PDB file of N, CA and C in Angstrom:
ATOM      1  N   MET A   1     -55.671-157.553 -60.067  1.00  0.00           N
ATOM      2  CA  MET A   1     -55.423-159.240 -59.829  1.00  0.00           C
ATOM      3  C   MET A   1     -56.410-159.751 -60.895  1.00  0.00           C
ATOM      4  N   THR A   2     -55.490-160.752 -61.521  1.00  0.00           N
ATOM      5  CA  THR A   2     -55.719-161.762 -62.767  1.00  0.00           C
ATOM      6  C   THR A   2     -56.234-163.148 -62.001  1.00  0.00           C
ATOM      7  N   ILE A   3     -56.734-163.863 -63.137  1.00  0.00           N
ATOM      8  CA  ILE A   3     -57.188-165.115 -62.769  1.00  0.00           C
ATOM      9  C   ILE A   3     -56.218-165.954 -62.947  1.00  0.00           C
ATOM     10  N   GLU A   4     -55.559-165.614 -63.679  1.00  0.00           N
ATOM     11  CA  GLU A   4     -54.206-166.591 -64.507  1.00  0.00           C
ATOM     12  C   GLU A   4     -53.286-167.091 -63.281  1.00  0.00           C
ATOM     13  N   PRO A   5     -52.986-166.747 -62.463  1.00  0.00           N
ATOM     14  CA  PRO A   5     -52.208-167.385 -61.204  1.00  0.00           C
ATOM     15  C   PRO A   5     -53.022-168.662 -60.605  1.00  0.00           C
ATOM     16  N   ALA A   6     -54.293-168.031 -60.319  1.00  0.00           N
ATOM     17  CA  ALA A   6     -55.129-169.090 -59.758  1.00  0.00           C
ATOM     18  C   ALA A   6     -55.273-170.487 -60.714  1.00  0.00           C
ATOM     19  N   ILE A   7     -55.431-170.117 -61.689  1.00  0.00           N
ATOM     20  CA  ILE A   7     -55.421-171.381 -62.996  1.00  0.00           C
ATOM     21  C   ILE A   7     -54.456-172.205 -63.026  1.00  0.00           C
ATOM     22  N   THR A   8     -53.466-171.537 -62.910  1.00  0.00           N
ATOM     23  CA  THR A   8     -51.822-172.196 -62.881  1.00  0.00           C
ATOM     24  C   THR A   8     -52.084-173.224 -61.654  1.00  0.00           C
ATOM     25  N   LYS A   9     -52.264-172.581 -60.379  1.00  0.00           N
ATOM     26  CA  LYS A   9     -52.241-173.141 -59.018  1.00  0.00           C
ATOM     27  C   LYS A   9     -53.132-174.668 -59.343  1.00  0.00           C
ATOM     28  N   LEU A  10     -54.663-174.088 -59.655  1.00  0.00           N
ATOM     29  CA  LEU A  10     -55.307-175.243 -59.871  1.00  0.00           C
ATOM     30  C   LEU A  10     -54.797-176.478 -60.780  1.00  0.00           C
ATOM     31  N   ARG A  11     -54.260-176.094 -62.016  1.00  0.00           N
ATOM     32  CA  ARG A  11     -53.720-177.075 -62.773  1.00  0.00           C
ATOM     33  C   ARG A  11     -52.591-177.914 -62.221  1.00  0.00           C
ATOM     34  N   ASN A  12     -51.621-176.948 -61.492  1.00  0.00           N
ATOM     35  CA  ASN A  12     -50.806-178.165 -60.776  1.00  0.00           C
ATOM     36  C   ASN A  12     -51.361-178.960 -59.879  1.00  0.00           C
ATOM     37  N   ALA A  13     -52.245-178.459 -59.015  1.00  0.00           N
ATOM     38  CA  ALA A  13     -52.918-179.179 -58.116  1.00  0.00           C
ATOM     39  C   ALA A  13     -53.432-180.424 -58.627  1.00  0.00           C
ATOM     40  N   ALA A  14     -54.329-180.064 -59.745  1.00  0.00           N
ATOM     41  CA  ALA A  14     -54.985-181.212 -60.256  1.00  0.00           C
ATOM     42  C   ALA A  14     -53.690-182.381 -60.929  1.00  0.00           C
ATOM     43  N   GLU A  15     -52.297-181.837 -61.479  1.00  0.00           N
ATOM     44  CA  GLU A  15     -51.678-182.923 -61.641  1.00  0.00           C
ATOM     45  C   GLU A  15     -50.825-183.572 -60.428  1.00  0.00           C
ATOM     46  N   LEU A  16     -50.948-182.912 -59.541  1.00  0.00           N
ATOM     47  CA  LEU A  16     -50.448-183.716 -58.391  1.00  0.00           C
ATOM     48  C   LEU A  16     -51.373-184.654 -57.816  1.00  0.00           C
ATOM     49  N   ILE A  17     -52.692-184.123 -57.854  1.00  0.00           N
ATOM     50  CA  ILE A  17     -53.775-185.532 -57.376  1.00  0.00           C
ATOM     51  C   ILE A  17     -53.612-186.690 -58.387  1.00  0.00           C
ATOM     52  N   SER A  18     -53.372-186.192 -59.614  1.00  0.00           N
ATOM     53  CA  SER A  18     -53.678-187.499 -60.596  1.00  0.00           C
ATOM     54  C   SER A  18     -52.440-188.222 -60.538  1.00  0.00           C
ATOM     55  N   GLU A  19     -51.114-187.705 -60.010  1.00  0.00           N
ATOM     56  CA  GLU A  19     -49.766-188.458 -59.632  1.00  0.00           C
ATOM     57  C   GLU A  19     -50.050-189.304 -58.453  1.00  0.00           C
ATOM     58  N   ALA A  20     -50.866-188.662 -57.588  1.00  0.00           N
ATOM     59  CA  ALA A  20     -50.842-189.464 -56.205  1.00  0.00           C
ATOM     60  C   ALA A  20     -52.047-190.948 -56.415  1.00  0.00           C
ATOM     61  N   VAL A  21     -53.011-190.573 -57.285  1.00  0.00           N
ATOM     62  CA  VAL A  21     -53.745-191.440 -57.664  1.00  0.00           C
ATOM     63  C   VAL A  21     -53.131-192.617 -58.425  1.00  0.00           C
ATOM     64  N   ASN A  22     -52.431-192.198 -59.222  1.00  0.00           N
ATOM     65  CA  ASN A  22     -51.906-193.363 -60.170  1.00  0.00           C
ATOM     66  C   ASN A  22     -50.751-193.838 -59.137  1.00  0.00           C
ATOM     67  N   GLU A  23     -50.074-193.258 -58.278  1.00  0.00           N
ATOM     68  CA  GLU A  23     -49.067-194.272 -57.411  1.00  0.00           C
ATOM     69  C   GLU A  23     -49.790-194.926 -56.598  1.00  0.00           C
ATOM     70  N   LEU A  24     -51.251-194.703 -56.130  1.00  0.00           N
ATOM     71  CA  LEU A  24     -51.807-195.239 -55.012  1.00  0.00           C
ATOM     72  C   LEU A  24     -52.554-196.715 -55.854  1.00  0.00           C
ATOM     73  N   SER A  25     -52.794-196.166 -57.002  1.00  0.00           N
ATOM     74  CA  SER A  25     -53.570-197.511 -57.887  1.00  0.00           C
ATOM     75  C   SER A  25     -52.504-198.391 -58.083  1.00  0.00           C
ATOM     76  N   ALA A  26     -51.514-197.870 -58.628  1.00  0.00           N
ATOM     77  CA  ALA A  26     -50.171-198.975 -58.730  1.00  0.00           C
ATOM     78  C   ALA A  26     -49.529-200.089 -57.134  1.00  0.00           C
ATOM     79  N   LEU A  27     -49.675-199.151 -56.204  1.00  0.00           N
ATOM     80  CA  LEU A  27     -49.553-199.696 -55.034  1.00  0.00           C
ATOM     81  C   LEU A  27     -50.458-200.677 -54.685  1.00  0.00           C
ATOM     82  N   LEU A  28     -51.681-200.456 -55.074  1.00  0.00           N
ATOM     83  CA  LEU A  28     -52.884-201.199 -54.343  1.00  0.00           C
ATOM     84  C   LEU A  28     -53.037-202.541 -55.444  1.00  0.00           C
ATOM     85  N   GLN A  29     -52.432-202.567 -56.579  1.00  0.00           N
ATOM     86  CA  GLN A  29     -52.190-203.536 -57.769  1.00  0.00           C
ATOM     87  C   GLN A  29     -51.485-204.418 -57.473  1.00  0.00           C
ATOM     88  N   SER A  30     -50.239-203.870 -56.907  1.00  0.00           N
ATOM     89  CA  SER A  30     -49.043-204.852 -56.706  1.00  0.00           C
ATOM     90  C   SER A  30     -49.133-205.220 -55.307  1.00  0.00           C
ATOM     91  N   THR A  31     -49.791-204.675 -54.586  1.00  0.00           N
ATOM     92  CA  THR A  31     -50.166-205.272 -53.298  1.00  0.00           C
ATOM     93  C   THR A  31     -51.260-206.696 -53.219  1.00  0.00           C
ATOM     94  N   GLY A  32     -52.268-206.182 -54.163  1.00  0.00           N
ATOM     95  CA  GLY A  32     -53.239-207.322 -54.339  1.00  0.00           C
ATOM     96  C   GLY A  32     -52.807-208.507 -54.963  1.00  0.00           C
ATOM     97  N   THR A  33     -51.914-208.285 -55.882  1.00  0.00           N
ATOM     98  CA  THR A  33     -51.115-209.430 -56.798  1.00  0.00           C
ATOM     99  C   THR A  33     -50.320-210.153 -55.682  1.00  0.00           C
ATOM    100  N   GLU A  34     -49.466-209.631 -55.021  1.00  0.00           N
ATOM    101  CA  GLU A  34     -48.759-210.032 -53.841  1.00  0.00           C
ATOM    102  C   GLU A  34     -49.668-211.047 -52.927  1.00  0.00           C
ATOM    103  N   GLU A  35     -50.809-210.627 -52.314  1.00  0.00           N
ATOM    104  CA  GLU A  35     -51.303-211.234 -51.558  1.00  0.00           C
ATOM    105  C   GLU A  35     -52.109-212.345 -52.020  1.00  0.00           C
ATOM    106  N   GLN A  36     -52.303-212.335 -53.149  1.00  0.00           N
ATOM    107  CA  GLN A  36     -53.337-213.529 -54.109  1.00  0.00           C
ATOM    108  C   GLN A  36     -52.203-214.623 -54.518  1.00  0.00           C
ATOM    109  N   SER A  37     -50.699-214.159 -54.548  1.00  0.00           N
ATOM    110  CA  SER A  37     -49.944-215.182 -55.092  1.00  0.00           C
ATOM    111  C   SER A  37     -49.421-216.072 -54.075  1.00  0.00           C
ATOM    112  N   ALA A  38     -49.587-215.574 -52.732  1.00  0.00           N
ATOM    113  CA  ALA A  38     -49.011-216.475 -51.645  1.00  0.00           C
ATOM    114  C   ALA A  38     -50.046-217.379 -51.183  1.00  0.00           C
ATOM    115  N   PRO A  39     -49.417-218.701 -50.973  1.00  0.00           N
ATOM    116  CA  PRO A  39     -50.088-219.621 -50.345  1.00  0.00           C
ATOM    117  C   PRO A  39     -50.501-219.579 -49.224  1.00  0.00           C
ATOM    118  N   ALA A  40     -51.826-219.742 -49.278  1.00  0.00           N
ATOM    119  CA  ALA A  40     -52.676-220.057 -47.668  1.00  0.00           C
ATOM    120  C   ALA A  40     -52.066-220.964 -46.628  1.00  0.00           C
ATOM    121  N   ASP A  41     -51.626-222.274 -47.058  1.00  0.00           N
ATOM    122  CA  ASP A  41     -50.921-222.839 -45.994  1.00  0.00           C
ATOM    123  C   ASP A  41     -50.176-224.047 -46.817  1.00  0.00           C
ATOM    124  N   GLU A  42     -49.626-224.976 -46.201  1.00  0.00           N
ATOM    125  CA  GLU A  42     -48.514-225.828 -46.945  1.00  0.00           C
ATOM    126  C   GLU A  42     -49.100-226.612 -47.842  1.00  0.00           C
ATOM    127  N   SER A  43     -50.202-227.111 -47.658  1.00  0.00           N
ATOM    128  CA  SER A  43     -50.937-228.073 -48.187  1.00  0.00           C
ATOM    129  C   SER A  43     -51.026-227.460 -49.891  1.00  0.00           C
ATOM    130  N   SER A  44     -51.746-226.129 -49.763  1.00  0.00           N
ATOM    131  CA  SER A  44     -51.839-225.613 -51.253  1.00  0.00           C
ATOM    132  C   SER A  44     -50.334-225.473 -51.682  1.00  0.00           C
ATOM    133  N   ALA A  45     -49.214-224.963 -50.990  1.00  0.00           N
ATOM    134  CA  ALA A  45     -47.908-224.780 -51.662  1.00  0.00           C
ATOM    135  C   ALA A  45     -47.499-225.757 -52.201  1.00  0.00           C
ATOM    136  N   ALA A  46     -47.655-227.172 -51.452  1.00  0.00           N
ATOM    137  CA  ALA A  46     -47.456-228.485 -52.224  1.00  0.00           C
ATOM    138  C   ALA A  46     -48.118-228.719 -53.261  1.00  0.00           C
ATOM    139  N   LEU A  47     -49.607-228.507 -53.434  1.00  0.00           N
ATOM    140  CA  LEU A  47     -50.305-228.250 -54.638  1.00  0.00           C
ATOM    141  C   LEU A  47     -49.863-227.552 -55.862  1.00  0.00           C
ATOM    142  N   GLU A  48     -49.471-226.484 -55.380  1.00  0.00           N
ATOM    143  CA  GLU A  48     -48.715-225.483 -56.517  1.00  0.00           C
ATOM    144  C   GLU A  48     -47.584-226.088 -56.735  1.00  0.00           C
ATOM    145  N   ALA A  49     -46.619-226.486 -56.071  1.00  0.00           N
ATOM    146  CA  ALA A  49     -45.206-227.180 -56.500  1.00  0.00           C
ATOM    147  C   ALA A  49     -45.434-228.523 -57.303  1.00  0.00           C
ATOM    148  N   ASN A  50     -46.769-228.918 -57.293  1.00  0.00           N
ATOM    149  CA  ASN A  50     -46.785-230.355 -58.034  1.00  0.00           C
ATOM    150  C   ASN A  50     -47.545-229.720 -59.532  1.00  0.00           C
ATOM    151  N   THR A  51     -47.955-228.566 -59.617  1.00  0.00           N
ATOM    152  CA  THR A  51     -48.759-228.563 -60.894  1.00  0.00           C
ATOM    153  C   THR A  51     -47.622-227.705 -61.494  1.00  0.00           C
ATOM    154  N   ALA A  52     -47.184-228.536 -63.014  1.00  0.00           N
ATOM    155  CA  ALA A  52     -46.432-227.966 -63.701  1.00  0.00           C
ATOM    156  C   ALA A  52     -47.024-226.727 -64.584  1.00  0.00           C
ATOM    157  N   PRO A  53     -46.430-225.486 -65.175  1.00  0.00           N
ATOM    158  CA  PRO A  53     -47.094-224.899 -65.892  1.00  0.00           C
ATOM    159  C   PRO A  53     -46.837-224.950 -67.282  1.00  0.00           C
ATOM    160  N   THR A  54     -48.262-224.951 -67.886  1.00  0.00           N
ATOM    161  CA  THR A  54     -48.184-225.643 -69.015  1.00  0.00           C
ATOM    162  C   THR A  54     -48.177-224.009 -70.141  1.00  0.00           C
ATOM    163  N   ALA A  55     -47.532-224.856 -71.556  1.00  0.00           N
ATOM    164  CA  ALA A  55     -47.278-224.055 -72.637  1.00  0.00           C
ATOM    165  C   ALA A  55     -48.246-222.479 -72.880  1.00  0.00           C
ATOM    166  N   GLU A  56     -49.717-223.241 -72.736  1.00  0.00           N
ATOM    167  CA  GLU A  56     -50.557-221.914 -73.035  1.00  0.00           C
ATOM    168  C   GLU A  56     -50.676-221.042 -72.034  1.00  0.00           C
ATOM    169  N   THR A  57     -50.003-221.083 -70.809  1.00  0.00           N
ATOM    170  CA  THR A  57     -49.951-219.957 -69.847  1.00  0.00           C
ATOM    171  C   THR A  57     -49.422-218.837 -70.221  1.00  0.00           C
ATOM    172  N   GLU A  58     -49.872-217.685 -70.419  1.00  0.00           N
ATOM    173  CA  GLU A  58     -49.519-216.522 -70.740  1.00  0.00           C
ATOM    174  C   GLU A  58     -48.605-215.962 -69.968  1.00  0.00           C
ATOM    175  N   PRO A  59     -47.722-215.336 -69.905  1.00  0.00           N
ATOM    176  CA  PRO A  59     -46.954-214.434 -69.016  1.00  0.00           C
ATOM    177  C   PRO A  59     -47.749-213.221 -68.646  1.00  0.00           C
ATOM    178  N   GLU A  60     -47.789-212.822 -67.373  1.00  0.00           N
ATOM    179  CA  GLU A  60     -48.549-211.848 -66.589  1.00  0.00           C
ATOM    180  C   GLU A  60     -48.024-210.553 -66.924  1.00  0.00           C
ATOM    181  N   THR A  61     -48.787-209.676 -67.539  1.00  0.00           N
ATOM    182  CA  THR A  61     -48.891-208.390 -67.917  1.00  0.00           C
ATOM    183  C   THR A  61     -49.495-207.446 -67.118  1.00  0.00           C
ATOM    184  N   PRO A  62     -48.848-206.201 -66.736  1.00  0.00           N
ATOM    185  CA  PRO A  62     -49.383-205.703 -65.863  1.00  0.00           C
ATOM    186  C   PRO A  62     -50.715-204.875 -66.436  1.00  0.00           C
ATOM    187  N   ASN A  63     -51.530-204.809 -65.817  1.00  0.00           N
ATOM    188  CA  ASN A  63     -52.834-204.166 -65.808  1.00  0.00           C
ATOM    189  C   ASN A  63     -52.781-202.419 -66.117  1.00  0.00           C
ATOM    190  N   LEU A  64     -52.033-202.008 -67.088  1.00  0.00           N
ATOM    191  CA  LEU A  64     -51.776-200.462 -66.848  1.00  0.00           C
ATOM    192  C   LEU A  64     -52.999-199.858 -67.668  1.00  0.00           C
ATOM    193  N   SER A  65     -53.412-198.738 -67.217  1.00  0.00           N
ATOM    194  CA  SER A  65     -54.341-198.027 -67.598  1.00  0.00           C
ATOM    195  C   SER A  65     -53.634-196.389 -68.407  1.00  0.00           C
ATOM    196  N   PHE A  66     -54.519-195.868 -69.156  1.00  0.00           N
ATOM    197  CA  PHE A  66     -53.928-194.557 -69.742  1.00  0.00           C
ATOM    198  C   PHE A  66     -53.266-193.780 -68.737  1.00  0.00           C
ATOM    199  N   GLU A  67     -54.249-193.540 -67.600  1.00  0.00           N
ATOM    200  CA  GLU A  67     -53.335-192.530 -66.539  1.00  0.00           C
ATOM    201  C   GLU A  67     -52.406-192.870 -65.973  1.00  0.00           C
ATOM    202  N   ASP A  68     -52.130-194.263 -66.163  1.00  0.00           N
ATOM    203  CA  ASP A  68     -50.815-194.778 -65.225  1.00  0.00           C
ATOM    204  C   ASP A  68     -49.727-194.170 -66.523  1.00  0.00           C
ATOM    205  N   VAL A  69     -49.851-194.598 -67.411  1.00  0.00           N
ATOM    206  CA  VAL A  69     -48.995-194.489 -68.645  1.00  0.00           C
ATOM    207  C   VAL A  69     -48.782-192.676 -68.655  1.00  0.00           C
ATOM    208  N   ARG A  70     -49.561-191.663 -68.769  1.00  0.00           N
ATOM    209  CA  ARG A  70     -49.623-190.523 -68.778  1.00  0.00           C
ATOM    210  C   ARG A  70     -48.865-189.964 -67.669  1.00  0.00           C
ATOM    211  N   GLY A  71     -48.954-190.342 -66.298  1.00  0.00           N
ATOM    212  CA  GLY A  71     -48.503-190.119 -65.239  1.00  0.00           C
ATOM    213  C   GLY A  71     -46.872-190.064 -65.349  1.00  0.00           C
ATOM    214  N   ILE A  72     -46.676-191.586 -65.785  1.00  0.00           N
ATOM    215  CA  ILE A  72     -45.033-191.497 -65.629  1.00  0.00           C
ATOM    216  C   ILE A  72     -44.511-190.936 -66.881  1.00  0.00           C
ATOM    217  N   LEU A  73     -44.946-190.704 -68.161  1.00  0.00           N
ATOM    218  CA  LEU A  73     -44.625-190.082 -68.971  1.00  0.00           C
ATOM    219  C   LEU A  73     -44.438-188.409 -68.639  1.00  0.00           C
ATOM    220  N   ALA A  74     -45.574-188.021 -68.262  1.00  0.00           N
ATOM    221  CA  ALA A  74     -45.490-186.724 -67.603  1.00  0.00           C
ATOM    222  C   ALA A  74     -44.188-186.185 -66.762  1.00  0.00           C
ATOM    223  N   ASP A  75     -44.286-187.098 -65.845  1.00  0.00           N
ATOM    224  CA  ASP A  75     -43.234-186.996 -64.880  1.00  0.00           C
ATOM    225  C   ASP A  75     -41.778-186.775 -65.691  1.00  0.00           C
ATOM    226  N   ILE A  76     -41.540-187.846 -66.523  1.00  0.00           N
ATOM    227  CA  ILE A  76     -40.184-187.735 -67.415  1.00  0.00           C
ATOM    228  C   ILE A  76     -40.200-186.262 -68.117  1.00  0.00           C
ATOM    229  N   ALA A  77     -41.557-185.850 -68.901  1.00  0.00           N
ATOM    230  CA  ALA A  77     -41.308-184.712 -69.705  1.00  0.00           C
ATOM    231  C   ALA A  77     -40.863-183.492 -68.763  1.00  0.00           C
ATOM    232  N   ARG A  78     -41.581-183.398 -67.547  1.00  0.00           N
ATOM    233  CA  ARG A  78     -41.468-182.401 -66.569  1.00  0.00           C
ATOM    234  C   ARG A  78     -39.981-182.542 -66.145  1.00  0.00           C
ATOM    235  N   ALA A  79     -39.101-183.489 -66.227  1.00  0.00           N
ATOM    236  CA  ALA A  79     -37.854-183.550 -65.437  1.00  0.00           C
ATOM    237  C   ALA A  79     -36.889-182.908 -66.432  1.00  0.00           C
ATOM    238  N   GLY A  80     -37.512-182.783 -67.748  1.00  0.00           N
ATOM    239  CA  GLY A  80     -36.660-182.263 -68.742  1.00  0.00           C
ATOM    240  C   GLY A  80     -36.369-183.201 -69.965  1.00  0.00           C
ATOM    241  N   ASN A  81     -37.340-184.273 -69.998  1.00  0.00           N
ATOM    242  CA  ASN A  81     -36.993-185.111 -71.343  1.00  0.00           C
ATOM    243  C   ASN A  81     -38.094-185.042 -72.102  1.00  0.00           C
ATOM    244  N   ARG A  82     -38.590-184.104 -72.454  1.00  0.00           N
ATOM    245  CA  ARG A  82     -39.887-183.923 -73.045  1.00  0.00           C
ATOM    246  C   ARG A  82     -39.640-184.612 -74.539  1.00  0.00           C
ATOM    247  N   GLU A  83     -38.383-184.420 -74.936  1.00  0.00           N
ATOM    248  CA  GLU A  83     -38.502-184.816 -76.480  1.00  0.00           C
ATOM    249  C   GLU A  83     -37.768-186.303 -76.592  1.00  0.00           C
ATOM    250  N   GLY A  84     -37.441-187.018 -75.401  1.00  0.00           N
ATOM    251  CA  GLY A  84     -37.302-188.424 -75.002  1.00  0.00           C
ATOM    252  C   GLY A  84     -38.729-188.965 -75.370  1.00  0.00           C
ATOM    253  N   VAL A  85     -39.578-188.457 -74.635  1.00  0.00           N
ATOM    254  CA  VAL A  85     -40.996-188.797 -74.394  1.00  0.00           C
ATOM    255  C   VAL A  85     -41.633-188.772 -75.833  1.00  0.00           C
ATOM    256  N   LYS A  86     -41.383-187.607 -76.774  1.00  0.00           N
ATOM    257  CA  LYS A  86     -41.800-187.354 -77.814  1.00  0.00           C
ATOM    258  C   LYS A  86     -41.328-188.809 -78.729  1.00  0.00           C
ATOM    259  N   SER A  87     -39.695-188.865 -78.811  1.00  0.00           N
ATOM    260  CA  SER A  87     -39.529-189.919 -79.582  1.00  0.00           C
ATOM    261  C   SER A  87     -40.087-191.355 -79.210  1.00  0.00           C
ATOM    262  N   LEU A  88     -40.155-191.562 -77.701  1.00  0.00           N
ATOM    263  CA  LEU A  88     -40.882-192.857 -77.348  1.00  0.00           C
ATOM    264  C   LEU A  88     -42.102-193.039 -78.039  1.00  0.00           C
ATOM    265  N   LEU A  89     -42.957-192.002 -78.168  1.00  0.00           N
ATOM    266  CA  LEU A  89     -44.227-192.148 -78.751  1.00  0.00           C
ATOM    267  C   LEU A  89     -44.314-192.594 -80.251  1.00  0.00           C
ATOM    268  N   GLU A  90     -43.746-191.649 -80.994  1.00  0.00           N
ATOM    269  CA  GLU A  90     -43.056-191.718 -82.413  1.00  0.00           C
ATOM    270  C   GLU A  90     -42.489-193.324 -82.303  1.00  0.00           C
ATOM    271  N   LYS A  91     -41.663-194.042 -81.873  1.00  0.00           N
ATOM    272  CA  LYS A  91     -41.524-195.208 -81.800  1.00  0.00           C
ATOM    273  C   LYS A  91     -42.412-196.309 -81.841  1.00  0.00           C
ATOM    274  N   TYR A  92     -43.334-195.722 -81.232  1.00  0.00           N
ATOM    275  CA  TYR A  92     -44.392-197.047 -81.106  1.00  0.00           C
ATOM    276  C   TYR A  92     -45.780-196.498 -81.894  1.00  0.00           C
ATOM    277  N   GLY A  93     -45.409-195.703 -83.078  1.00  0.00           N
ATOM    278  CA  GLY A  93     -46.659-195.139 -83.883  1.00  0.00           C
ATOM    279  C   GLY A  93     -47.601-194.291 -83.496  1.00  0.00           C
ATOM    280  N   ALA A  94     -47.297-193.265 -82.521  1.00  0.00           N
ATOM    281  CA  ALA A  94     -48.265-192.457 -82.411  1.00  0.00           C
ATOM    282  C   ALA A  94     -47.546-191.122 -81.915  1.00  0.00           C
ATOM    283  N   SER A  95     -48.543-190.140 -82.500  1.00  0.00           N
ATOM    284  CA  SER A  95     -48.149-188.704 -82.537  1.00  0.00           C
ATOM    285  C   SER A  95     -48.311-188.165 -81.055  1.00  0.00           C
ATOM    286  N   LYS A  96     -49.281-188.778 -80.312  1.00  0.00           N
ATOM    287  CA  LYS A  96     -49.725-188.181 -78.996  1.00  0.00           C
ATOM    288  C   LYS A  96     -50.000-189.500 -78.151  1.00  0.00           C
ATOM    289  N   LEU A  97     -49.919-189.289 -76.910  1.00  0.00           N
ATOM    290  CA  LEU A  97     -50.094-190.429 -76.053  1.00  0.00           C
ATOM    291  C   LEU A  97     -51.705-191.115 -76.303  1.00  0.00           C
ATOM    292  N   SER A  98     -52.970-190.210 -76.363  1.00  0.00           N
ATOM    293  CA  SER A  98     -54.253-191.024 -76.757  1.00  0.00           C
ATOM    294  C   SER A  98     -54.388-191.566 -77.996  1.00  0.00           C
ATOM    295  N   ALA A  99     -53.157-191.499 -79.033  1.00  0.00           N
ATOM    296  CA  ALA A  99     -53.190-192.377 -80.243  1.00  0.00           C
ATOM    297  C   ALA A  99     -52.752-193.608 -79.797  1.00  0.00           C
ATOM    298  N   LEU A 100     -51.747-194.008 -78.829  1.00  0.00           N
ATOM    299  CA  LEU A 100     -50.991-195.017 -78.474  1.00  0.00           C
ATOM    300  C   LEU A 100     -52.076-196.273 -78.375  1.00  0.00           C
ATOM    301  N   ASP A 101     -51.536-197.261 -78.918  1.00  0.00           N
ATOM    302  CA  ASP A 101     -52.370-198.590 -78.650  1.00  0.00           C
ATOM    303  C   ASP A 101     -52.136-199.288 -77.415  1.00  0.00           C
ATOM    304  N   PRO A 102     -53.073-199.453 -76.301  1.00  0.00           N
ATOM    305  CA  PRO A 102     -52.870-199.590 -75.085  1.00  0.00           C
ATOM    306  C   PRO A 102     -52.275-201.293 -75.017  1.00  0.00           C
ATOM    307  N   LYS A 103     -51.953-201.661 -76.201  1.00  0.00           N
ATOM    308  CA  LYS A 103     -50.925-203.050 -75.903  1.00  0.00           C
ATOM    309  C   LYS A 103     -49.722-202.638 -75.914  1.00  0.00           C
ATOM    310  N   CYS A 104     -49.253-201.337 -76.081  1.00  0.00           N
ATOM    311  CA  CYS A 104     -47.808-200.884 -76.062  1.00  0.00           C
ATOM    312  C   CYS A 104     -47.444-200.376 -74.731  1.00  0.00           C
ATOM    313  N   TYR A 105     -48.456-199.908 -73.779  1.00  0.00           N
ATOM    314  CA  TYR A 105     -48.284-199.555 -72.526  1.00  0.00           C
ATOM    315  C   TYR A 105     -47.163-200.114 -71.992  1.00  0.00           C
ATOM    316  N   ALA A 106     -47.081-201.201 -71.836  1.00  0.00           N
ATOM    317  CA  ALA A 106     -46.036-201.931 -70.898  1.00  0.00           C
ATOM    318  C   ALA A 106     -44.577-201.935 -71.545  1.00  0.00           C
ATOM    319  N   ASP A 107     -44.745-201.993 -73.005  1.00  0.00           N
ATOM    320  CA  ASP A 107     -43.282-202.017 -73.832  1.00  0.00           C
ATOM    321  C   ASP A 107     -42.756-200.085 -73.599  1.00  0.00           C
ATOM    322  N   ILE A 108     -43.544-199.377 -73.973  1.00  0.00           N
ATOM    323  CA  ILE A 108     -43.265-198.226 -73.735  1.00  0.00           C
ATOM    324  C   ILE A 108     -42.592-197.576 -72.333  1.00  0.00           C
ATOM    325  N   LEU A 109     -43.080-198.364 -71.275  1.00  0.00           N
ATOM    326  CA  LEU A 109     -42.806-197.986 -70.204  1.00  0.00           C
ATOM    327  C   LEU A 109     -41.604-198.476 -69.491  1.00  0.00           C
ATOM    328  N   LYS A 110     -41.418-199.605 -70.105  1.00  0.00           N
ATOM    329  CA  LYS A 110     -39.778-200.286 -70.026  1.00  0.00           C
ATOM    330  C   LYS A 110     -38.930-199.210 -70.691  1.00  0.00           C
ATOM    331  N   ASP A 111     -39.379-198.800 -71.741  1.00  0.00           N
ATOM    332  CA  ASP A 111     -38.345-197.710 -72.613  1.00  0.00           C
ATOM    333  C   ASP A 111     -37.944-196.656 -71.911  1.00  0.00           C
ATOM    334  N   ALA A 112     -39.273-196.259 -71.102  1.00  0.00           N
ATOM    335  CA  ALA A 112     -39.440-195.084 -70.369  1.00  0.00           C
ATOM    336  C   ALA A 112     -38.345-194.737 -69.103  1.00  0.00           C
ATOM    337  N   GLU A 113     -38.348-196.049 -68.774  1.00  0.00           N
ATOM    338  CA  GLU A 113     -37.191-196.144 -67.457  1.00  0.00           C
ATOM    339  C   GLU A 113     -35.828-196.206 -67.936  1.00  0.00           C
ATOM    340  N   VAL A 114     -35.439-196.061 -69.327  1.00  0.00           N
ATOM    341  CA  VAL A 114     -34.193-195.738 -69.582  1.00  0.00           C
ATOM    342  C   VAL A 114     -34.351-194.320 -69.574  1.00  0.00           C
ATOM    343  N   LEU A 115     -35.114-193.682 -70.049  1.00  0.00           N
ATOM    344  CA  LEU A 115     -35.329-192.146 -70.006  1.00  0.00           C
ATOM    345  C   LEU A 115     -35.200-191.491 -68.387  1.00  0.00           C
ATOM    346  N   ARG A 116     -35.996-192.215 -67.684  1.00  0.00           N
ATOM    347  CA  ARG A 116     -35.862-191.836 -66.070  1.00  0.00           C
ATOM    348  C   ARG A 116     -34.690-191.724 -65.999  1.00  0.00           C
ATOM    349  N   ASN A 117     -33.935-192.683 -66.060  1.00  0.00           N
ATOM    350  CA  ASN A 117     -32.813-192.950 -65.603  1.00  0.00           C
ATOM    351  C   ASN A 117     -31.372-192.159 -66.291  1.00  0.00           C
ATOM    352  N   ALA A 118     -32.114-191.453 -67.072  1.00  0.00           N
ATOM    353  CA  ALA A 118     -30.860-191.111 -67.660  1.00  0.00           C
ATOM    354  C   ALA A 118     -30.484-189.518 -67.056  1.00  0.00           C
TER     355      ALA A 118
END
């Protein structure tokens, strides 16, 4: 009996757990954002309607972590588009995911959706 099959099973289990954590984290973030943006009552809704956004307001960007991006790109690579993922990383100036600038996370995930749907 070799230990290789056990190691492979443990690695697969670790990947599945990581994916589940990423999905739960994304779900919690989206749920928390929706609850905070919902008006508490009619008076606060009226107040928000009378408040005009300023030009200085920055658009909301999702708070993506390295693990979020890694999970999504790993899914795409496992689905058979490894070369597409490599090309995306190169497009954003990185030879590997750990070298990718965190400012690029949202943009690379937008491009990755094209790969996922291909």
